[in-house]
Amino acid sequence: MEYLISSKKTFQLNNKEISQICYLKNTHWKHGLKSNLNWFKKYVKKNDIHNLLFIEDKLVGYTLLRIRTFYINNIKKKYLYFDVLIIDKKFRNKNLSNILMYINGDIILKNKKLSFLICLKNMIKYYEKFGWKKMNSKKFLIKDHNFYSYGMCFNNKDLNKKFNYIFYFYR
């Protein structure tokens, strides 16, 4: 199976690619295409990083790394919020998500940024295969988003230190 991976910042995406992203997301989060497009326009910033996996001309895999702000012991820094990993249902169980995860890891390391994600318990082992570490829920707070899941970090040399992290998803 031949595939093409494209990594672009939001301002580099064309309307067709944005529509394909929102259509793919809507196959999992069924809020409607219009709602997904509105969310995209409202919350995705011009320098956020989109990793697109195409087979022929069809978008079958997607991840989003959003450049956001966090505080570590009251020092403001930038991080990459790993927001989305989605593979078209027809293309699952073909290790395509692994390809996207390695691409994301490379981008995070090249940007020299910490990355953070939230996930359900059943996904922790999956992310750990790619070097993500589960965070102690008492060591971090997400200020602008309610969540009832687990937090994980990548490229964080200070994870075991007694730092407190405050993450923002929308600014």
Protein backbone atom coordinates (compact mmCIF):
# COMPACT_ATOMS: atom_id res chain seq x y z
CA MET A 1 0.00 0.00 0.00
CA GLU A 2 1.53 3.30 -1.07
CA TYR A 3 0.83 6.36 0.98
CA LEU A 4 1.83 10.02 1.12
CA ILE A 5 2.43 11.96 4.32
CA SER A 6 2.14 15.71 4.34
CA SER A 7 2.89 17.94 7.31
CA LYS A 8 1.54 21.48 7.05
CA LYS A 9 0.80 24.46 9.20
CA THR A 10 -2.79 25.68 9.14
CA PHE A 11 -2.02 28.66 6.92
CA GLN A 12 -0.61 26.24 4.30
CA LEU A 13 -3.78 24.12 4.07
CA ASN A 14 -6.18 24.65 1.20
CA ASN A 15 -9.98 24.53 1.55
CA LYS A 16 -10.16 20.99 0.15
CA GLU A 17 -7.71 19.71 2.79
CA ILE A 18 -9.60 21.47 5.60
CA SER A 19 -12.85 19.90 4.36
CA GLN A 20 -11.20 16.45 4.20
CA ILE A 21 -9.92 16.87 7.77
CA CYS A 22 -13.34 17.88 9.08
CA TYR A 23 -15.04 15.08 7.13
CA LEU A 24 -12.63 12.49 8.57
CA LYS A 25 -13.09 13.87 12.10
CA ASN A 26 -16.86 13.72 11.65
CA THR A 27 -16.67 9.96 11.03
CA HIS A 28 -15.68 9.61 14.69
CA TRP A 29 -17.04 12.74 16.40
CA LYS A 30 -20.45 12.98 14.76
CA HIS A 31 -21.23 16.66 15.39
CA GLY A 32 -21.89 17.35 11.72
CA LEU A 33 -19.54 18.66 9.07
CA LYS A 34 -20.60 22.27 9.62
CA SER A 35 -19.94 22.01 13.36
CA ASN A 36 -16.50 20.49 12.71
CA LEU A 37 -15.67 23.29 10.26
CA ASN A 38 -16.79 25.93 12.78
CA TRP A 39 -14.68 24.30 15.51
CA PHE A 40 -11.69 24.26 13.15
CA LYS A 41 -12.06 27.96 12.28
CA LYS A 42 -12.55 28.96 15.92
CA TYR A 43 -9.83 26.93 17.67
CA VAL A 44 -7.13 25.99 15.18
CA LYS A 45 -4.43 28.64 14.88
CA LYS A 46 -2.39 29.53 11.79
CA ASN A 47 0.84 27.84 12.97
CA ASP A 48 -0.70 24.63 14.35
CA ILE A 49 0.74 21.52 12.70
CA HIS A 50 -1.41 19.09 10.68
CA ASN A 51 -0.06 15.68 9.72
CA LEU A 52 -2.04 14.19 6.87
CA LEU A 53 -1.77 10.62 5.60
CA PHE A 54 -3.17 10.06 2.11
CA ILE A 55 -3.74 6.87 0.16
CA GLU A 56 -4.19 7.95 -3.44
CA ASP A 57 -6.09 11.24 -3.00
CA LYS A 58 -8.06 10.13 0.06
CA LEU A 59 -7.20 11.44 3.52
CA VAL A 60 -7.14 8.30 5.70
CA GLY A 61 -5.11 9.47 8.70
CA TYR A 62 -4.72 12.72 10.58
CA THR A 63 -3.08 14.20 13.64
CA LEU A 64 -3.07 17.74 14.97
CA LEU A 65 -0.34 19.32 17.07
CA ARG A 66 -1.60 22.63 18.46
CA ILE A 67 0.95 25.18 19.67
CA ARG A 68 -0.30 26.29 23.07
CA THR A 69 0.82 27.79 26.37
CA PHE A 70 1.59 26.12 29.66
CA TYR A 71 3.11 27.19 32.94
CA ILE A 72 5.65 25.17 34.85
CA ASN A 73 6.26 26.57 38.33
CA ASN A 74 4.86 29.95 37.16
CA ILE A 75 7.15 30.16 34.10
CA LYS A 76 5.23 30.54 30.82
CA LYS A 77 6.30 28.28 27.94
CA LYS A 78 4.98 26.90 24.66
CA TYR A 79 4.10 23.24 24.15
CA LEU A 80 2.52 21.08 21.47
CA TYR A 81 -0.92 19.85 22.43
CA PHE A 82 -1.46 16.50 20.68
CA ASP A 83 -5.12 17.00 19.91
CA VAL A 84 -6.26 14.38 17.42
CA LEU A 85 -5.26 10.98 16.09
CA ILE A 86 -7.76 9.49 13.68
CA ILE A 87 -7.58 6.78 11.04
CA ASP A 88 -10.39 6.12 8.58
CA LYS A 89 -12.29 3.01 9.77
CA LYS A 90 -11.63 1.20 6.47
CA PHE A 91 -7.86 1.59 6.96
CA ARG A 92 -7.48 0.61 10.61
CA ASN A 93 -5.35 -2.38 11.69
CA LYS A 94 -2.79 -1.62 8.97
CA ASN A 95 -0.28 0.11 11.30
CA LEU A 96 -1.00 3.51 9.72
CA SER A 97 -1.42 5.14 13.12
CA ASN A 98 2.12 4.00 13.98
CA ILE A 99 3.46 5.92 10.98
CA LEU A 100 1.69 9.07 12.14
CA MET A 101 2.91 8.59 15.72
CA TYR A 102 6.55 8.38 14.57
CA ILE A 103 6.07 11.52 12.42
CA ASN A 104 4.61 13.34 15.42
CA GLY A 105 7.49 12.26 17.63
CA ASP A 106 10.00 13.59 15.09
CA ILE A 107 8.17 16.93 14.83
CA ILE A 108 7.93 17.32 18.60
CA LEU A 109 11.66 16.60 19.01
CA LYS A 110 12.66 18.92 16.13
CA ASN A 111 10.61 21.72 17.68
CA LYS A 112 12.28 21.06 21.05
CA LYS A 113 8.94 21.28 22.80
CA LEU A 114 7.16 19.27 25.44
CA SER A 115 3.97 17.66 24.12
CA PHE A 116 0.87 16.80 26.12
CA LEU A 117 -2.24 14.78 25.35
CA ILE A 118 -5.31 13.54 27.15
CA CYS A 119 -6.66 10.05 26.52
CA LEU A 120 -8.86 7.33 27.91
CA LYS A 121 -7.35 4.59 30.07
CA ASN A 122 -7.52 2.01 27.27
CA MET A 123 -5.17 4.15 25.11
CA ILE A 124 -2.34 4.58 27.66
CA LYS A 125 -0.40 1.46 26.61
CA TYR A 126 -0.70 2.47 22.94
CA TYR A 127 0.88 5.87 23.54
CA GLU A 128 3.53 4.41 25.85
CA LYS A 129 4.80 2.34 22.87
CA PHE A 130 5.86 5.65 21.30
CA GLY A 131 7.62 7.11 24.33
CA TRP A 132 4.72 8.94 25.97
CA LYS A 133 4.67 8.93 29.79
CA LYS A 134 1.58 9.02 31.97
CA MET A 135 1.49 12.06 34.25
CA ASN A 136 0.40 12.03 37.86
CA SER A 137 -2.98 13.79 37.83
CA LYS A 138 -1.94 15.80 40.91
CA LYS A 139 0.96 17.37 38.97
CA PHE A 140 -1.06 19.08 36.24
CA LEU A 141 -4.16 21.14 35.69
CA ILE A 142 -5.96 22.03 32.46
CA LYS A 143 -7.34 25.54 32.98
CA ASP A 144 -9.66 25.94 30.02
CA HIS A 145 -11.02 22.44 29.38
CA ASN A 146 -12.91 19.92 31.50
CA PHE A 147 -11.67 16.39 31.16
CA TYR A 148 -12.18 13.07 32.85
CA SER A 149 -9.32 11.09 31.42
CA TYR A 150 -5.54 10.75 31.69
CA GLY A 151 -2.72 13.13 30.82
CA MET A 152 0.46 12.02 29.09
CA CYS A 153 3.68 13.82 28.13
CA PHE A 154 6.33 13.36 25.48
CA ASN A 155 9.80 14.93 25.40
CA ASN A 156 9.65 16.01 29.04
CA LYS A 157 12.94 15.55 30.85
CA ASP A 158 11.48 17.11 34.02
CA LEU A 159 8.49 14.79 34.39
CA ASN A 160 9.68 13.18 37.63
CA LYS A 161 10.61 16.47 39.30
CA LYS A 162 8.23 18.12 41.71
CA PHE A 163 6.94 20.61 39.16
CA ASN A 164 3.32 21.58 38.72
CA TYR A 165 2.04 22.09 35.19
CA ILE A 166 -0.86 24.31 34.14
CA PHE A 167 -1.93 23.65 30.53
CA TYR A 168 -4.14 25.73 28.28
CA PHE A 169 -5.78 24.20 25.21
CA TYR A 170 -7.35 27.32 23.73
CA ARG A 171 -4.68 29.99 24.11
